[in-house]
Each structure stands twice: as structure tokens, then as C-alpha cells.
């Protein structure tokens, strides 16, 4: 790669939306790294079809295909290479997920990999802690269909995915077994050490914008109060009162419920949010593994 301003992009096909992240590739001290250049989120909810019917409908499939084709066309016009595409909980749940991914590849030349829950959780290993100490931090990604959790510290390196997500709970497709599995797994993490629950993705950012926009952190009690408020408001009130996007307004309280369950195990913790995204993990993994991605 001869141009230091070379731009690459990744796509994440989630249960509630498609996320597109575009990066400028540069070098610093001989290390290649990616700097976020552009972010786009397209509301296409695969989770309703996936968790209710175990199959993506032809109508939803068409919306998905059209959205990715538009992203690809815009990227091509700006000489941006989309090097990777991943799909998560909804696509690994449905019977026609691989078929749809093949269609996307045929129409766009973008290879889409359906990640296992474990692969998705392991991507949190690439999280940039910046101001957070690893041994005091649990990284949590709550999406539409699943929750991924990562902890590294005190000689432990733990990563796990659970089929508990905001859209899945909305559709009443969560299971007591999976809630119990979450609780049992959390006991592996030394609870007294944990001060930071860092939520990656839009749900955590929206929660902190509502609760404490200036300090960007929320206590467990504040989350419980917000969950109660949301439960007592109808859809239109949630959108207008909290300025919530329509595709978040009906699911945010369920994301909060998962965060509360996690924070019950860590009495000294607060919920923080991060602009980091699972797609950043995909890109970092690509940079580390690919010999072809190099800056001048």
C-alpha cells in the first residue's frame, strides 16, 4: 500500500442494523494502524425475522441487499476497498443466512463471514482501553441478538457470547437457561476489582447520553430508574422525550436490563460507553493478520 491515506472499510450485518466503518491506514513507529474516517449506520432489523421465524423474509433480504449494494457503490466511487464483512447473531440463527451471504458476495464481491458467538466475543480482545485499566474493566457488547463479554486481568483471559439481545428479548425469545448461564459465567470474574463496565456499541452510548451526558457514566441504580421510566412510556413518548432513534426506542430498556444483570455482580462498577465498535476489532484483526495491508 503506497498511499498513506489509503482508505479501507468493513461492514457488520447486525440484528438491528448494518454498520459501515471506513478507515485511513497509516503507520506510526513502523506499525500499521487504522484511524476511523467515516461511520454509517443503516436501520435494517433482521432480528424480528430471525428470532420469530428462524428465517429472513424475502422483503427483509431485499432491504439488506439494496443497502449493501448502495454502500459498495459509494465506496467504489471514492476508491475505498471494503475488505471485510461480518454477520452476527441474526444471521447465525436463521436457516437461510449462508444463502443470503452468498447472494451478497455475488452482487458486490464482498465476502461476508457469519461469525460464531465465540468469534464475535474474541473480537473484544482488540478493544482499545485508553483510559481504562484492563484488570478493572469488563468490556460488554449488547446487540440486538446477543451479548458478548470480555475480561482480561489477574492472569485470566475470558470471552463469552450469550444469546441474549435487545431485539431477542423484545420478541420474547430469550430463555431462562441463557440468563442463568450468564450469571454462572460472571462468577469467574473477580468482582471486587471491577470498576468499569465499558459498553461498546450504540446502546451504551444512548444510555449515558440520557443519564449523565457530561460524565458519560451511569450507576446500577440510575439504570434501574431509567428502565422504569422507559417501561412507563409509549413508543412515541420515548422518541420525543429522550430523542431516541425509532429503531432504538422499542429495545433500549431491554439492553438496560442486560447491563443491570451484569452490574449486579460488580457492586463497585459504573457503566461507561465507548466509541469503539466490534467492526474496529474486525479491522484490527485484519491488520494484524494480513501481510498485504501496509502503509508506505
C-alpha atoms as a PDB file:
ATOM      1  CA  UNK A   1       0.000   0.000   0.000  1.00  0.00           C
ATOM      2  CA  UNK A   2       1.870   3.048  -1.240  1.00  0.00           C
ATOM      3  CA  UNK A   3      -0.557   5.750  -0.229  1.00  0.00           C
ATOM      4  CA  UNK A   4      -0.585   6.687   3.435  1.00  0.00           C
ATOM      5  CA  UNK A   5      -4.124   7.963   3.001  1.00  0.00           C
ATOM      6  CA  UNK A   6      -5.361   4.650   1.650  1.00  0.00           C
ATOM      7  CA  UNK A   7      -8.854   4.007   2.946  1.00  0.00           C
ATOM      8  CA  UNK A   8     -10.363   0.645   3.785  1.00  0.00           C
ATOM      9  CA  UNK A   9     -13.764  -0.295   5.161  1.00  0.00           C
ATOM     10  CA  UNK A  10     -15.609  -3.069   6.989  1.00  0.00           C
ATOM     11  CA  UNK A  11     -19.296  -3.950   7.220  1.00  0.00           C
ATOM     12  CA  UNK A  12     -21.112  -5.521  10.166  1.00  0.00           C
ATOM     13  CA  UNK A  13     -24.548  -7.029   9.486  1.00  0.00           C
ATOM     14  CA  UNK A  14     -26.131  -6.968  12.923  1.00  0.00           C
ATOM     15  CA  UNK A  15     -29.530  -7.970  14.259  1.00  0.00           C
ATOM     16  CA  UNK A  16     -30.822  -4.393  14.436  1.00  0.00           C
ATOM     17  CA  UNK A  17     -28.758  -2.539  11.823  1.00  0.00           C
ATOM     18  CA  UNK A  18     -25.952  -2.586   9.283  1.00  0.00           C
ATOM     19  CA  UNK A  19     -22.808  -0.797  10.435  1.00  0.00           C
ATOM     20  CA  UNK A  20     -20.233   0.533   7.987  1.00  0.00           C
ATOM     21  CA  UNK A  21     -16.883   1.839   9.185  1.00  0.00           C
ATOM     22  CA  UNK A  22     -14.266   3.416   6.953  1.00  0.00           C
ATOM     23  CA  UNK A  23     -10.629   3.887   7.963  1.00  0.00           C
ATOM     24  CA  UNK A  24      -7.482   5.707   6.915  1.00  0.00           C
ATOM     25  CA  UNK A  25      -4.483   3.392   7.057  1.00  0.00           C
ATOM     26  CA  UNK A  26      -1.240   4.930   8.338  1.00  0.00           C
ATOM     27  CA  UNK A  27       1.997   3.975  10.059  1.00  0.00           C
ATOM     28  CA  UNK A  28       3.375   5.064  13.397  1.00  0.00           C
ATOM     29  CA  UNK A  29       6.718   3.762  14.626  1.00  0.00           C
ATOM     30  CA  UNK A  30       6.641   1.177  11.824  1.00  0.00           C
ATOM     31  CA  UNK A  31       3.281  -0.151  12.974  1.00  0.00           C
ATOM     32  CA  UNK A  32       0.302  -0.086  10.621  1.00  0.00           C
ATOM     33  CA  UNK A  33      -2.852   1.225  12.244  1.00  0.00           C
ATOM     34  CA  UNK A  34      -6.353   2.259  11.236  1.00  0.00           C
ATOM     35  CA  UNK A  35      -7.894   5.626  12.069  1.00  0.00           C
ATOM     36  CA  UNK A  36     -11.685   5.875  11.847  1.00  0.00           C
ATOM     37  CA  UNK A  37     -12.652   8.116   8.960  1.00  0.00           C
ATOM     38  CA  UNK A  38     -16.387   7.617   8.389  1.00  0.00           C
ATOM     39  CA  UNK A  39     -19.186   5.776  10.146  1.00  0.00           C
ATOM     40  CA  UNK A  40     -22.607   4.929   8.784  1.00  0.00           C
ATOM     41  CA  UNK A  41     -25.472   3.018  10.354  1.00  0.00           C
ATOM     42  CA  UNK A  42     -28.396   1.726   8.289  1.00  0.00           C
ATOM     43  CA  UNK A  43     -31.520   0.562  10.075  1.00  0.00           C
ATOM     44  CA  UNK A  44     -32.393  -2.896   8.752  1.00  0.00           C
ATOM     45  CA  UNK A  45     -33.780  -5.092  11.531  1.00  0.00           C
ATOM     46  CA  UNK A  46     -33.016  -8.723  10.744  1.00  0.00           C
ATOM     47  CA  UNK A  47     -33.723  -9.775  14.311  1.00  0.00           C
ATOM     48  CA  UNK A  48     -37.515  -9.782  14.068  1.00  0.00           C
ATOM     49  CA  UNK A  49     -37.448 -12.331  11.252  1.00  0.00           C
ATOM     50  CA  UNK A  50     -34.572 -14.260  12.778  1.00  0.00           C
ATOM     51  CA  UNK A  51     -35.849 -14.728  16.301  1.00  0.00           C
ATOM     52  CA  UNK A  52     -39.545 -15.139  15.474  1.00  0.00           C
ATOM     53  CA  UNK A  53     -39.363 -17.227  12.298  1.00  0.00           C
ATOM     54  CA  UNK A  54     -35.745 -18.508  12.089  1.00  0.00           C
ATOM     55  CA  UNK A  55     -35.634 -17.253   8.510  1.00  0.00           C
ATOM     56  CA  UNK A  56     -35.024 -13.902   6.799  1.00  0.00           C
ATOM     57  CA  UNK A  57     -38.057 -12.949   4.723  1.00  0.00           C
ATOM     58  CA  UNK A  58     -37.688 -12.012   1.052  1.00  0.00           C
ATOM     59  CA  UNK A  59     -38.690  -8.419   1.885  1.00  0.00           C
ATOM     60  CA  UNK A  60     -36.047  -8.041   4.598  1.00  0.00           C
ATOM     61  CA  UNK A  61     -33.483  -9.767   2.406  1.00  0.00           C
ATOM     62  CA  UNK A  62     -34.157  -7.256  -0.367  1.00  0.00           C
ATOM     63  CA  UNK A  63     -33.668  -4.314   2.020  1.00  0.00           C
ATOM     64  CA  UNK A  64     -30.400  -5.832   3.182  1.00  0.00           C
ATOM     65  CA  UNK A  65     -29.104  -6.423  -0.339  1.00  0.00           C
ATOM     66  CA  UNK A  66     -30.090  -2.939  -1.529  1.00  0.00           C
ATOM     67  CA  UNK A  67     -28.385  -1.326   1.473  1.00  0.00           C
ATOM     68  CA  UNK A  68     -25.098  -3.161   0.961  1.00  0.00           C
ATOM     69  CA  UNK A  69     -25.119  -2.541  -2.789  1.00  0.00           C
ATOM     70  CA  UNK A  70     -25.514   1.202  -2.102  1.00  0.00           C
ATOM     71  CA  UNK A  71     -22.630   1.115   0.380  1.00  0.00           C
ATOM     72  CA  UNK A  72     -20.458  -0.723  -2.127  1.00  0.00           C
ATOM     73  CA  UNK A  73     -21.308   1.725  -4.933  1.00  0.00           C
ATOM     74  CA  UNK A  74     -20.429   4.731  -2.765  1.00  0.00           C
ATOM     75  CA  UNK A  75     -17.196   3.092  -1.633  1.00  0.00           C
ATOM     76  CA  UNK A  76     -16.188   2.291  -5.213  1.00  0.00           C
ATOM     77  CA  UNK A  77     -16.746   5.882  -6.324  1.00  0.00           C
ATOM     78  CA  UNK A  78     -14.342   7.067  -3.611  1.00  0.00           C
ATOM     79  CA  UNK A  79     -11.793   4.330  -4.305  1.00  0.00           C
ATOM     80  CA  UNK A  80     -12.415   2.693  -0.935  1.00  0.00           C
ATOM     81  CA  UNK A  81     -11.934  -1.035  -0.652  1.00  0.00           C
ATOM     82  CA  UNK A  82     -14.371  -2.907   1.570  1.00  0.00           C
ATOM     83  CA  UNK A  83     -12.030  -5.624   2.779  1.00  0.00           C
ATOM     84  CA  UNK A  84     -14.268  -7.476   5.178  1.00  0.00           C
ATOM     85  CA  UNK A  85     -17.890  -8.170   6.000  1.00  0.00           C
ATOM     86  CA  UNK A  86     -19.211  -9.987   9.049  1.00  0.00           C
ATOM     87  CA  UNK A  87     -22.670 -11.038  10.176  1.00  0.00           C
ATOM     88  CA  UNK A  88     -23.623 -11.816  13.737  1.00  0.00           C
ATOM     89  CA  UNK A  89     -26.473 -13.189  15.852  1.00  0.00           C
ATOM     90  CA  UNK A  90     -29.441 -12.866  13.489  1.00  0.00           C
ATOM     91  CA  UNK A  91     -27.631 -14.415  10.541  1.00  0.00           C
ATOM     92  CA  UNK A  92     -26.233 -17.294  12.572  1.00  0.00           C
ATOM     93  CA  UNK A  93     -29.769 -18.010  13.850  1.00  0.00           C
ATOM     94  CA  UNK A  94     -31.608 -18.258  10.529  1.00  0.00           C
ATOM     95  CA  UNK A  95     -31.773 -21.180   8.128  1.00  0.00           C
ATOM     96  CA  UNK A  96     -31.050 -19.062   5.041  1.00  0.00           C
ATOM     97  CA  UNK A  97     -28.170 -16.977   6.377  1.00  0.00           C
ATOM     98  CA  UNK A  98     -25.410 -18.591   4.306  1.00  0.00           C
ATOM     99  CA  UNK A  99     -27.551 -18.405   1.168  1.00  0.00           C
ATOM    100  CA  UNK A 100     -28.085 -14.670   1.665  1.00  0.00           C
ATOM    101  CA  UNK A 101     -24.373 -14.104   2.292  1.00  0.00           C
ATOM    102  CA  UNK A 102     -23.568 -15.852  -0.993  1.00  0.00           C
ATOM    103  CA  UNK A 103     -26.022 -13.543  -2.788  1.00  0.00           C
ATOM    104  CA  UNK A 104     -24.329 -10.507  -1.268  1.00  0.00           C
ATOM    105  CA  UNK A 105     -20.942 -11.762  -2.426  1.00  0.00           C
ATOM    106  CA  UNK A 106     -22.254 -12.475  -5.923  1.00  0.00           C
ATOM    107  CA  UNK A 107     -23.697  -8.968  -6.287  1.00  0.00           C
ATOM    108  CA  UNK A 108     -20.929  -6.990  -4.573  1.00  0.00           C
ATOM    109  CA  UNK A 109     -17.785  -9.171  -4.379  1.00  0.00           C
ATOM    110  CA  UNK A 110     -17.805  -8.590  -0.604  1.00  0.00           C
ATOM    111  CA  UNK A 111     -17.132 -11.791   1.313  1.00  0.00           C
ATOM    112  CA  UNK A 112     -19.475 -11.994   4.303  1.00  0.00           C
ATOM    113  CA  UNK A 113     -18.463 -14.250   7.171  1.00  0.00           C
ATOM    114  CA  UNK A 114     -21.085 -15.348   9.665  1.00  0.00           C
ATOM    115  CA  UNK A 115     -19.277 -15.181  12.990  1.00  0.00           C
ATOM    116  CA  UNK A 116     -19.879 -17.733  15.699  1.00  0.00           C
ATOM    117  CA  UNK A 117     -20.695 -16.318  19.109  1.00  0.00           C
ATOM    118  CA  UNK A 118     -17.201 -17.208  20.306  1.00  0.00           C
ATOM    119  CA  UNK A 119     -15.560 -15.463  17.335  1.00  0.00           C
ATOM    120  CA  UNK A 120     -17.621 -12.348  17.990  1.00  0.00           C
ATOM    121  CA  UNK A 121     -16.676 -12.335  21.681  1.00  0.00           C
ATOM    122  CA  UNK A 122     -12.980 -12.804  20.857  1.00  0.00           C
ATOM    123  CA  UNK A 123     -13.027  -9.618  18.760  1.00  0.00           C
ATOM    124  CA  UNK A 124     -13.426  -7.677  22.022  1.00  0.00           C
ATOM    125  CA  UNK A 125      -9.821  -8.691  22.689  1.00  0.00           C
ATOM    126  CA  UNK A 126      -8.855  -5.860  20.306  1.00  0.00           C
ATOM    127  CA  UNK A 127     -10.643  -3.194  22.368  1.00  0.00           C
ATOM    128  CA  UNK A 128      -8.505  -0.081  22.926  1.00  0.00           C
ATOM    129  CA  UNK A 129      -8.643   0.514  26.682  1.00  0.00           C
ATOM    130  CA  UNK A 130      -7.112   4.021  26.553  1.00  0.00           C
ATOM    131  CA  UNK A 131      -8.133   5.488  29.946  1.00  0.00           C
ATOM    132  CA  UNK A 132      -9.342   2.184  31.413  1.00  0.00           C
ATOM    133  CA  UNK A 133      -7.193  -0.295  33.323  1.00  0.00           C
ATOM    134  CA  UNK A 134      -7.637  -3.795  31.943  1.00  0.00           C
ATOM    135  CA  UNK A 135      -7.780  -5.535  35.312  1.00  0.00           C
ATOM    136  CA  UNK A 136     -10.573  -3.163  36.420  1.00  0.00           C
ATOM    137  CA  UNK A 137     -12.633  -3.389  33.238  1.00  0.00           C
ATOM    138  CA  UNK A 138     -15.216  -5.700  31.721  1.00  0.00           C
ATOM    139  CA  UNK A 139     -15.995  -4.970  28.062  1.00  0.00           C
ATOM    140  CA  UNK A 140     -19.612  -5.644  27.055  1.00  0.00           C
ATOM    141  CA  UNK A 141     -21.245  -5.547  23.634  1.00  0.00           C
ATOM    142  CA  UNK A 142     -25.041  -5.767  23.823  1.00  0.00           C
ATOM    143  CA  UNK A 143     -26.584  -6.077  20.398  1.00  0.00           C
ATOM    144  CA  UNK A 144     -29.961  -6.985  19.025  1.00  0.00           C
ATOM    145  CA  UNK A 145     -29.483 -10.723  19.271  1.00  0.00           C
ATOM    146  CA  UNK A 146     -26.591 -11.447  21.585  1.00  0.00           C
ATOM    147  CA  UNK A 147     -24.353 -10.154  24.339  1.00  0.00           C
ATOM    148  CA  UNK A 148     -20.577 -10.553  24.220  1.00  0.00           C
ATOM    149  CA  UNK A 149     -18.400 -10.081  27.297  1.00  0.00           C
ATOM    150  CA  UNK A 150     -14.609  -9.918  27.608  1.00  0.00           C
ATOM    151  CA  UNK A 151     -12.314  -9.681  30.620  1.00  0.00           C
ATOM    152  CA  UNK A 152      -8.533  -9.721  30.753  1.00  0.00           C
ATOM    153  CA  UNK A 153      -6.650  -9.383  34.017  1.00  0.00           C
ATOM    154  CA  UNK A 154      -5.258 -11.223  37.047  1.00  0.00           C
ATOM    155  CA  UNK A 155      -3.969 -13.970  34.798  1.00  0.00           C
ATOM    156  CA  UNK A 156      -7.363 -14.529  33.210  1.00  0.00           C
ATOM    157  CA  UNK A 157      -8.494 -14.043  29.642  1.00  0.00           C
ATOM    158  CA  UNK A 158     -12.240 -14.667  29.437  1.00  0.00           C
ATOM    159  CA  UNK A 159     -14.573 -14.175  26.477  1.00  0.00           C
ATOM    160  CA  UNK A 160     -18.123 -15.422  26.058  1.00  0.00           C
ATOM    161  CA  UNK A 161     -21.194 -14.838  23.900  1.00  0.00           C
ATOM    162  CA  UNK A 162     -24.742 -15.288  25.156  1.00  0.00           C
ATOM    163  CA  UNK A 163     -27.938 -15.415  23.037  1.00  0.00           C
ATOM    164  CA  UNK A 164     -29.392 -12.504  24.967  1.00  0.00           C
ATOM    165  CA  UNK A 165     -30.023  -9.326  22.980  1.00  0.00           C
ATOM    166  CA  UNK A 166     -32.409  -6.391  22.963  1.00  0.00           C
ATOM    167  CA  UNK A 167     -34.434  -7.438  19.888  1.00  0.00           C
ATOM    168  CA  UNK A 168     -34.457 -11.064  21.039  1.00  0.00           C
ATOM    169  CA  UNK A 169     -35.951 -10.011  24.394  1.00  0.00           C
ATOM    170  CA  UNK A 170     -38.438  -7.678  22.665  1.00  0.00           C
ATOM    171  CA  UNK A 171     -39.693 -10.681  20.687  1.00  0.00           C
ATOM    172  CA  UNK A 172     -39.826 -12.736  23.931  1.00  0.00           C
ATOM    173  CA  UNK A 173     -37.315 -15.227  22.565  1.00  0.00           C
ATOM    174  CA  UNK A 174     -34.874 -15.056  25.465  1.00  0.00           C
ATOM    175  CA  UNK A 175     -34.544 -18.132  27.643  1.00  0.00           C
ATOM    176  CA  UNK A 176     -34.198 -18.503  31.456  1.00  0.00           C
ATOM    177  CA  UNK A 177     -31.446 -21.010  30.697  1.00  0.00           C
ATOM    178  CA  UNK A 178     -29.385 -18.354  28.926  1.00  0.00           C
ATOM    179  CA  UNK A 179     -29.905 -15.840  31.745  1.00  0.00           C
ATOM    180  CA  UNK A 180     -28.715 -18.482  34.216  1.00  0.00           C
ATOM    181  CA  UNK A 181     -25.701 -19.263  32.025  1.00  0.00           C
ATOM    182  CA  UNK A 182     -24.801 -15.564  32.026  1.00  0.00           C
ATOM    183  CA  UNK A 183     -25.000 -15.367  35.820  1.00  0.00           C
ATOM    184  CA  UNK A 184     -22.931 -18.506  36.296  1.00  0.00           C
ATOM    185  CA  UNK A 185     -20.219 -17.336  33.888  1.00  0.00           C
ATOM    186  CA  UNK A 186     -19.916 -13.889  35.508  1.00  0.00           C
ATOM    187  CA  UNK A 187     -18.815 -15.526  38.778  1.00  0.00           C
ATOM    188  CA  UNK A 188     -15.488 -16.337  37.046  1.00  0.00           C
ATOM    189  CA  UNK A 189     -14.535 -12.655  37.059  1.00  0.00           C
ATOM    190  CA  UNK A 190     -13.054 -11.207  40.307  1.00  0.00           C
ATOM    191  CA  UNK A 191     -15.955  -8.902  41.169  1.00  0.00           C
ATOM    192  CA  UNK A 192     -14.255  -6.635  43.740  1.00  0.00           C
ATOM    193  CA  UNK A 193     -11.675  -5.497  41.178  1.00  0.00           C
ATOM    194  CA  UNK A 194     -14.164  -4.342  38.574  1.00  0.00           C
ATOM    195  CA  UNK A 195     -14.839  -0.613  38.465  1.00  0.00           C
ATOM    196  CA  UNK A 196     -15.673  -0.184  34.778  1.00  0.00           C
ATOM    197  CA  UNK A 197     -18.322  -1.896  32.703  1.00  0.00           C
ATOM    198  CA  UNK A 198     -17.498  -0.497  29.260  1.00  0.00           C
ATOM    199  CA  UNK A 199     -20.366  -0.837  26.836  1.00  0.00           C
ATOM    200  CA  UNK A 200     -19.358  -0.800  23.182  1.00  0.00           C
ATOM    201  CA  UNK A 201     -21.985  -0.001  20.580  1.00  0.00           C
ATOM    202  CA  UNK A 202     -24.897   2.407  20.405  1.00  0.00           C
ATOM    203  CA  UNK A 203     -27.000   1.123  23.304  1.00  0.00           C
ATOM    204  CA  UNK A 204     -24.440   2.097  25.949  1.00  0.00           C
ATOM    205  CA  UNK A 205     -23.864   5.498  24.344  1.00  0.00           C
ATOM    206  CA  UNK A 206     -27.571   6.301  24.325  1.00  0.00           C
ATOM    207  CA  UNK A 207     -27.971   5.237  27.943  1.00  0.00           C
ATOM    208  CA  UNK A 208     -25.207   7.545  29.137  1.00  0.00           C
ATOM    209  CA  UNK A 209     -26.439  10.431  26.997  1.00  0.00           C
ATOM    210  CA  UNK A 210     -29.753  10.197  28.844  1.00  0.00           C
ATOM    211  CA  UNK A 211     -28.434   9.513  32.354  1.00  0.00           C
ATOM    212  CA  UNK A 212     -25.254  11.560  32.528  1.00  0.00           C
ATOM    213  CA  UNK A 213     -24.164  13.092  29.242  1.00  0.00           C
ATOM    214  CA  UNK A 214     -21.318  15.121  30.782  1.00  0.00           C
ATOM    215  CA  UNK A 215     -19.577  12.415  32.843  1.00  0.00           C
ATOM    216  CA  UNK A 216     -20.530   9.556  30.479  1.00  0.00           C
ATOM    217  CA  UNK A 217     -21.163   7.045  33.230  1.00  0.00           C
ATOM    218  CA  UNK A 218     -24.187   5.507  34.936  1.00  0.00           C
ATOM    219  CA  UNK A 219     -24.664   3.629  38.186  1.00  0.00           C
ATOM    220  CA  UNK A 220     -26.749   0.486  38.508  1.00  0.00           C
ATOM    221  CA  UNK A 221     -29.442   2.419  40.410  1.00  0.00           C
ATOM    222  CA  UNK A 222     -29.582   5.033  37.651  1.00  0.00           C
ATOM    223  CA  UNK A 223     -30.042   2.286  35.086  1.00  0.00           C
ATOM    224  CA  UNK A 224     -32.875   0.795  37.115  1.00  0.00           C
ATOM    225  CA  UNK A 225     -34.581   4.191  37.315  1.00  0.00           C
ATOM    226  CA  UNK A 226     -34.224   4.761  33.559  1.00  0.00           C
ATOM    227  CA  UNK A 227     -35.555   1.284  32.776  1.00  0.00           C
ATOM    228  CA  UNK A 228     -38.634   2.014  34.886  1.00  0.00           C
ATOM    229  CA  UNK A 229     -39.159   5.362  33.132  1.00  0.00           C
ATOM    230  CA  UNK A 230     -38.936   3.769  29.703  1.00  0.00           C
ATOM    231  CA  UNK A 231     -41.325   1.000  30.661  1.00  0.00           C
ATOM    232  CA  UNK A 232     -43.937   3.607  31.639  1.00  0.00           C
ATOM    233  CA  UNK A 233     -43.761   5.491  28.326  1.00  0.00           C
ATOM    234  CA  UNK A 234     -45.223   4.530  24.977  1.00  0.00           C
ATOM    235  CA  UNK A 235     -43.182   4.393  21.770  1.00  0.00           C
ATOM    236  CA  UNK A 236     -43.878   7.982  20.650  1.00  0.00           C
ATOM    237  CA  UNK A 237     -43.083   9.339  24.111  1.00  0.00           C
ATOM    238  CA  UNK A 238     -39.737   7.511  24.127  1.00  0.00           C
ATOM    239  CA  UNK A 239     -38.828   9.009  20.766  1.00  0.00           C
ATOM    240  CA  UNK A 240     -39.870  12.569  21.613  1.00  0.00           C
ATOM    241  CA  UNK A 241     -38.894  12.768  25.297  1.00  0.00           C
ATOM    242  CA  UNK A 242     -35.471  11.089  25.018  1.00  0.00           C
ATOM    243  CA  UNK A 243     -34.779  11.888  21.340  1.00  0.00           C
ATOM    244  CA  UNK A 244     -34.276   8.189  20.689  1.00  0.00           C
ATOM    245  CA  UNK A 245     -33.920   6.828  17.148  1.00  0.00           C
ATOM    246  CA  UNK A 246     -37.023   4.864  16.220  1.00  0.00           C
ATOM    247  CA  UNK A 247     -35.117   1.607  15.879  1.00  0.00           C
ATOM    248  CA  UNK A 248     -33.756   2.017  19.417  1.00  0.00           C
ATOM    249  CA  UNK A 249     -36.856   3.324  21.159  1.00  0.00           C
ATOM    250  CA  UNK A 250     -38.536  -0.066  21.469  1.00  0.00           C
ATOM    251  CA  UNK A 251     -35.445  -2.008  22.580  1.00  0.00           C
ATOM    252  CA  UNK A 252     -33.322   0.249  24.808  1.00  0.00           C
ATOM    253  CA  UNK A 253     -35.000  -0.859  28.041  1.00  0.00           C
ATOM    254  CA  UNK A 254     -34.084  -4.474  27.222  1.00  0.00           C
ATOM    255  CA  UNK A 255     -30.453  -3.566  26.662  1.00  0.00           C
ATOM    256  CA  UNK A 256     -30.559  -1.798  30.032  1.00  0.00           C
ATOM    257  CA  UNK A 257     -31.949  -4.970  31.626  1.00  0.00           C
ATOM    258  CA  UNK A 258     -28.892  -6.917  30.470  1.00  0.00           C
ATOM    259  CA  UNK A 259     -26.486  -4.248  31.736  1.00  0.00           C
ATOM    260  CA  UNK A 260     -28.249  -4.271  35.112  1.00  0.00           C
ATOM    261  CA  UNK A 261     -27.933  -8.048  35.348  1.00  0.00           C
ATOM    262  CA  UNK A 262     -24.207  -7.807  34.652  1.00  0.00           C
ATOM    263  CA  UNK A 263     -23.650  -4.955  37.106  1.00  0.00           C
ATOM    264  CA  UNK A 264     -25.353  -6.914  39.885  1.00  0.00           C
ATOM    265  CA  UNK A 265     -22.144  -8.962  40.035  1.00  0.00           C
ATOM    266  CA  UNK A 266     -19.870  -5.924  40.280  1.00  0.00           C
ATOM    267  CA  UNK A 267     -21.043  -3.677  43.146  1.00  0.00           C
ATOM    268  CA  UNK A 268     -18.262  -1.101  42.679  1.00  0.00           C
ATOM    269  CA  UNK A 269     -18.806  -0.598  38.964  1.00  0.00           C
ATOM    270  CA  UNK A 270     -20.251   2.085  36.705  1.00  0.00           C
ATOM    271  CA  UNK A 271     -21.374   1.767  33.111  1.00  0.00           C
ATOM    272  CA  UNK A 272     -19.151   3.698  30.714  1.00  0.00           C
ATOM    273  CA  UNK A 273     -19.539   3.908  26.949  1.00  0.00           C
ATOM    274  CA  UNK A 274     -17.036   3.861  24.132  1.00  0.00           C
ATOM    275  CA  UNK A 275     -16.990   4.921  20.504  1.00  0.00           C
ATOM    276  CA  UNK A 276     -15.146   1.661  19.794  1.00  0.00           C
ATOM    277  CA  UNK A 277     -17.182  -0.845  17.806  1.00  0.00           C
ATOM    278  CA  UNK A 278     -16.931  -4.544  17.013  1.00  0.00           C
ATOM    279  CA  UNK A 279     -16.053  -3.529  13.438  1.00  0.00           C
ATOM    280  CA  UNK A 280     -12.921  -1.879  14.852  1.00  0.00           C
ATOM    281  CA  UNK A 281     -11.988  -5.297  16.173  1.00  0.00           C
ATOM    282  CA  UNK A 282     -12.519  -6.793  12.727  1.00  0.00           C
ATOM    283  CA  UNK A 283     -10.248  -4.183  11.145  1.00  0.00           C
ATOM    284  CA  UNK A 284      -7.520  -4.538  13.782  1.00  0.00           C
ATOM    285  CA  UNK A 285      -7.568  -8.311  13.341  1.00  0.00           C
ATOM    286  CA  UNK A 286      -7.257  -7.848   9.572  1.00  0.00           C
ATOM    287  CA  UNK A 287      -4.279  -5.508  10.040  1.00  0.00           C
ATOM    288  CA  UNK A 288      -2.501  -7.977  12.292  1.00  0.00           C
ATOM    289  CA  UNK A 289      -3.120 -10.985  10.084  1.00  0.00           C
ATOM    290  CA  UNK A 290      -2.794  -9.574   6.576  1.00  0.00           C
ATOM    291  CA  UNK A 291       0.620  -9.082   5.006  1.00  0.00           C
ATOM    292  CA  UNK A 292      -0.975  -7.136   2.154  1.00  0.00           C
ATOM    293  CA  UNK A 293      -2.239  -4.261   4.296  1.00  0.00           C
ATOM    294  CA  UNK A 294       0.731  -1.931   4.675  1.00  0.00           C
ATOM    295  CA  UNK A 295       1.224   1.810   4.570  1.00  0.00           C
ATOM    296  CA  UNK A 296       4.180   3.434   2.857  1.00  0.00           C
END
